[in-house]
N, C-alpha and C. Protein backbone atom coordinates (compact mmCIF):
# COMPACT_ATOMS: atom_id res chain seq x y z
N UNK A 1 17.97 2.22 23.48
CA UNK A 1 17.62 2.21 22.10
C UNK A 1 19.10 1.83 21.34
N UNK A 2 20.34 1.75 21.85
CA UNK A 2 21.43 1.65 21.33
C UNK A 2 21.24 0.34 20.49
N UNK A 3 20.74 -0.63 21.29
CA UNK A 3 20.69 -1.77 20.95
C UNK A 3 19.65 -2.14 19.74
N UNK A 4 18.92 -1.47 19.45
CA UNK A 4 17.73 -1.48 18.29
C UNK A 4 18.32 -1.79 16.87
N UNK A 5 17.85 -2.93 16.34
CA UNK A 5 18.49 -3.05 14.86
C UNK A 5 17.07 -3.29 14.19
N UNK A 6 17.21 -3.01 12.73
CA UNK A 6 16.49 -3.12 11.80
C UNK A 6 16.26 -4.78 11.62
N UNK A 7 15.08 -5.03 11.38
CA UNK A 7 14.96 -6.20 10.99
C UNK A 7 14.10 -6.47 9.71
N UNK A 8 13.60 -5.36 9.06
CA UNK A 8 12.99 -5.62 7.79
C UNK A 8 14.28 -5.84 6.53
N UNK A 9 14.18 -6.61 5.57
CA UNK A 9 15.18 -6.51 4.85
C UNK A 9 15.47 -5.44 3.88
N UNK A 10 16.72 -5.20 3.55
CA UNK A 10 16.91 -4.19 2.56
C UNK A 10 17.87 -4.48 1.18
N UNK A 11 17.41 -4.09 0.09
CA UNK A 11 18.07 -4.55 -1.02
C UNK A 11 17.36 -5.75 -1.99
N UNK A 12 16.44 -6.57 -1.21
CA UNK A 12 15.90 -7.58 -1.83
C UNK A 12 14.40 -6.87 -2.50
N UNK A 13 13.89 -7.77 -2.95
CA UNK A 13 12.33 -7.66 -3.84
C UNK A 13 11.46 -6.97 -2.94
N UNK A 14 11.23 -7.59 -1.85
CA UNK A 14 10.25 -6.60 -0.75
C UNK A 14 10.88 -5.49 -0.38
N UNK A 15 11.76 -5.07 -0.59
CA UNK A 15 12.32 -3.66 -0.45
C UNK A 15 11.81 -2.74 -1.28
N UNK A 16 11.94 -3.41 -2.44
CA UNK A 16 11.55 -2.26 -3.97
C UNK A 16 9.82 -2.48 -3.73
N UNK A 17 9.45 -3.52 -3.65
CA UNK A 17 7.91 -3.53 -3.88
C UNK A 17 7.37 -2.72 -2.68
N UNK A 18 7.96 -2.37 -1.41
CA UNK A 18 7.31 -1.76 -0.44
C UNK A 18 7.45 -0.48 -0.38
N UNK A 19 8.67 0.03 -1.16
CA UNK A 19 8.77 1.48 -1.59
C UNK A 19 7.83 1.94 -2.62
N UNK A 20 7.86 1.19 -3.78
CA UNK A 20 6.94 1.61 -4.71
C UNK A 20 5.61 1.65 -3.97
N UNK A 21 5.22 0.54 -3.47
CA UNK A 21 3.59 0.58 -2.82
C UNK A 21 3.55 2.01 -1.66
N UNK A 22 4.46 2.28 -1.09
CA UNK A 22 4.24 3.60 0.04
C UNK A 22 4.31 4.75 -1.19
N UNK A 23 5.14 4.87 -2.06
CA UNK A 23 5.15 6.09 -3.05
C UNK A 23 3.43 6.11 -3.86
N UNK A 24 3.13 5.01 -4.34
CA UNK A 24 1.85 5.07 -4.94
C UNK A 24 0.98 5.47 -4.18
N UNK A 25 0.87 4.92 -2.62
CA UNK A 25 -0.19 5.30 -1.60
C UNK A 25 -0.03 6.86 -1.48
N UNK A 26 1.11 7.29 -1.00
CA UNK A 26 1.24 8.88 -0.89
C UNK A 26 0.60 9.48 -2.06
N UNK A 27 0.87 9.37 -3.62
CA UNK A 27 0.28 9.70 -4.54
C UNK A 27 -1.12 9.83 -4.67
N UNK A 28 -1.81 8.53 -4.33
CA UNK A 28 -3.21 8.35 -4.08
C UNK A 28 -3.82 9.47 -2.97
N UNK A 29 -3.18 9.38 -2.03
CA UNK A 29 -3.26 10.28 -0.66
C UNK A 29 -3.48 11.89 -1.17
N UNK A 30 -2.72 12.20 -1.79
CA UNK A 30 -2.19 13.56 -2.35
C UNK A 30 -3.26 13.78 -3.29
N UNK A 31 -3.61 12.88 -4.16
CA UNK A 31 -4.82 13.21 -5.12
C UNK A 31 -5.92 13.53 -4.73
N UNK A 32 -6.24 12.49 -3.78
CA UNK A 32 -7.39 12.65 -3.07
C UNK A 32 -7.62 13.97 -2.11
N UNK A 33 -6.49 14.42 -1.47
CA UNK A 33 -6.57 15.57 -0.78
C UNK A 33 -6.94 16.74 -1.91
N UNK A 34 -6.34 16.62 -3.06
CA UNK A 34 -6.65 17.51 -4.12
C UNK A 34 -8.03 17.68 -4.89
N UNK A 35 -8.98 16.55 -4.45
CA UNK A 35 -10.12 16.23 -5.07
C UNK A 35 -10.26 15.65 -6.57
N UNK A 36 -8.73 15.02 -6.84
CA UNK A 36 -8.76 14.46 -8.12
C UNK A 36 -9.36 12.99 -8.04
N UNK A 37 -10.70 12.56 -8.70
CA UNK A 37 -11.28 11.62 -8.13
C UNK A 37 -11.83 11.06 -9.65
N UNK A 38 -11.67 10.04 -9.91
CA UNK A 38 -11.35 8.77 -9.36
C UNK A 38 -10.13 8.31 -9.45
N UNK A 39 -9.08 9.23 -9.94
CA UNK A 39 -7.65 8.59 -10.16
C UNK A 39 -6.84 8.41 -8.98
N UNK A 40 -7.42 9.04 -8.01
CA UNK A 40 -6.70 8.80 -6.61
C UNK A 40 -7.10 7.30 -6.25
N UNK A 41 -7.92 6.73 -6.41
CA UNK A 41 -8.33 5.31 -6.13
C UNK A 41 -7.55 4.65 -6.94
N UNK A 42 -7.29 4.58 -7.93
CA UNK A 42 -6.35 3.73 -8.56
C UNK A 42 -4.97 3.24 -8.18
N UNK A 43 -4.46 4.65 -7.78
CA UNK A 43 -3.13 4.77 -7.00
C UNK A 43 -3.36 4.05 -5.93
N UNK A 44 -4.17 4.34 -4.88
CA UNK A 44 -4.10 3.75 -3.78
C UNK A 44 -4.44 2.32 -4.08
N UNK A 45 -5.54 1.88 -4.77
CA UNK A 45 -5.49 0.36 -5.00
C UNK A 45 -4.21 -0.31 -5.50
N UNK A 46 -3.39 0.06 -6.41
CA UNK A 46 -2.21 -0.33 -6.38
C UNK A 46 -1.29 -0.62 -5.39
N UNK A 47 -1.08 0.77 -4.82
CA UNK A 47 -0.30 0.72 -3.56
C UNK A 47 -0.70 -0.49 -2.11
N UNK A 48 -1.92 -0.59 -2.36
CA UNK A 48 -2.34 -1.51 -1.38
C UNK A 48 -2.00 -3.06 -1.54
N UNK A 49 -2.36 -3.07 -3.10
CA UNK A 49 -2.05 -4.19 -3.61
C UNK A 49 -0.59 -4.76 -3.25
N UNK A 50 0.60 -3.76 -3.58
CA UNK A 50 2.10 -3.91 -3.37
C UNK A 50 2.29 -4.41 -1.97
N UNK A 51 1.44 -3.38 -1.00
CA UNK A 51 1.61 -3.90 0.35
C UNK A 51 1.24 -5.10 0.78
N UNK A 52 0.20 -5.59 0.42
CA UNK A 52 -0.44 -6.89 0.72
C UNK A 52 0.57 -7.93 0.04
N UNK A 53 1.36 -7.73 -0.72
CA UNK A 53 2.16 -8.74 -1.71
C UNK A 53 3.30 -8.54 -0.30
N UNK A 54 3.73 -7.53 0.01
CA UNK A 54 4.83 -7.46 1.02
C UNK A 54 4.64 -8.24 2.12
N UNK A 55 3.53 -8.10 2.68
CA UNK A 55 3.06 -8.82 3.89
C UNK A 55 3.04 -10.01 3.67
N UNK A 56 2.82 -10.78 2.33
CA UNK A 56 2.83 -12.00 2.16
C UNK A 56 4.05 -12.50 2.20
N UNK A 57 5.24 -11.82 1.57
CA UNK A 57 6.67 -11.96 1.54
C UNK A 57 7.25 -12.07 3.21
N UNK A 58 6.89 -11.26 4.03
CA UNK A 58 7.37 -10.84 5.03
C UNK A 58 6.32 -12.05 6.14
N UNK A 59 5.50 -12.50 5.71
CA UNK A 59 4.59 -13.51 6.93
C UNK A 59 4.01 -12.55 7.71
N UNK A 60 3.48 -11.36 7.48
CA UNK A 60 3.15 -10.50 8.30
C UNK A 60 1.61 -9.96 8.19
N UNK A 61 0.66 -10.83 9.08
CA UNK A 61 -0.67 -10.89 9.16
C UNK A 61 -1.19 -9.27 9.34
N UNK A 62 -0.46 -8.55 9.86
CA UNK A 62 -0.92 -7.36 9.98
C UNK A 62 -0.90 -6.49 9.01
N UNK A 63 0.14 -6.39 8.43
CA UNK A 63 0.14 -5.53 7.07
C UNK A 63 -0.57 -6.40 5.97
N UNK A 64 -0.80 -7.64 5.72
CA UNK A 64 -1.74 -8.00 4.96
C UNK A 64 -3.09 -7.84 5.31
N UNK A 65 -3.78 -7.86 6.64
CA UNK A 65 -4.92 -7.72 7.19
C UNK A 65 -5.42 -5.94 6.76
N UNK A 66 -4.70 -5.29 7.06
CA UNK A 66 -4.95 -3.72 6.80
C UNK A 66 -4.92 -3.51 5.09
N UNK A 67 -3.86 -3.88 4.38
CA UNK A 67 -3.93 -3.56 3.13
C UNK A 67 -4.85 -4.44 2.18
N UNK A 68 -5.34 -5.61 2.71
CA UNK A 68 -6.57 -6.35 2.14
C UNK A 68 -7.66 -5.52 2.39
N UNK A 69 -7.73 -5.01 3.58
CA UNK A 69 -9.30 -3.91 3.88
C UNK A 69 -9.15 -3.02 3.10
N UNK A 70 -8.23 -2.22 2.60
CA UNK A 70 -7.96 -0.94 1.96
C UNK A 70 -7.84 -1.18 0.83
N UNK A 71 -7.59 -2.22 -0.06
CA UNK A 71 -8.03 -2.91 -1.25
C UNK A 71 -9.36 -2.85 -1.42
N UNK A 72 -10.17 -3.62 -0.64
CA UNK A 72 -11.54 -3.93 -0.66
C UNK A 72 -12.41 -2.72 -0.72
N UNK A 73 -11.82 -1.91 -0.06
CA UNK A 73 -12.75 -0.48 0.60
C UNK A 73 -12.78 0.18 -0.88
N UNK A 74 -11.16 0.48 -1.41
CA UNK A 74 -10.91 1.19 -2.27
C UNK A 74 -11.38 0.55 -3.61
N UNK A 75 -11.79 -0.62 -3.79
CA UNK A 75 -12.49 -1.30 -5.28
C UNK A 75 -13.85 -1.22 -5.15
N UNK A 76 -14.10 -1.07 -3.80
CA UNK A 76 -15.52 -0.72 -3.93
C UNK A 76 -15.88 0.72 -4.19
N UNK A 77 -15.11 1.38 -4.01
CA UNK A 77 -15.28 2.82 -4.35
C UNK A 77 -15.09 3.08 -5.89
N UNK A 78 -13.95 2.35 -6.40
CA UNK A 78 -14.01 2.26 -8.16
C UNK A 78 -15.39 1.63 -8.55
N UNK A 79 -15.73 0.65 -7.98
CA UNK A 79 -17.01 -0.02 -8.71
C UNK A 79 -18.23 1.00 -8.61
N UNK A 80 -18.27 1.78 -7.42
CA UNK A 80 -19.24 2.59 -7.04
C UNK A 80 -19.08 3.86 -8.45
N UNK A 81 -17.78 4.15 -8.57
CA UNK A 81 -17.46 4.93 -9.67
C UNK A 81 -18.02 4.95 -11.04
N UNK A 82 -18.15 3.75 -11.13
CA UNK A 82 -18.62 3.26 -12.65
C UNK A 82 -20.24 3.16 -12.76
């Protein structure tokens, strides 16, 4: 492990977007655990959108796939709530 090095960018646009997305996802999950519906869905939706964008910036299909799926599922929950 001594040779392990960080490969994700730090200080560029993707760094700020990934942290904002992470914070929004954590807030969304916290609201969900507290039963604050549907506000939890809005935070989760925006967080997953931001992480999808990070996946595009990094050309990381796994990040894009997981977060596009999350986005779709949460969007269907929002539309169902209306």
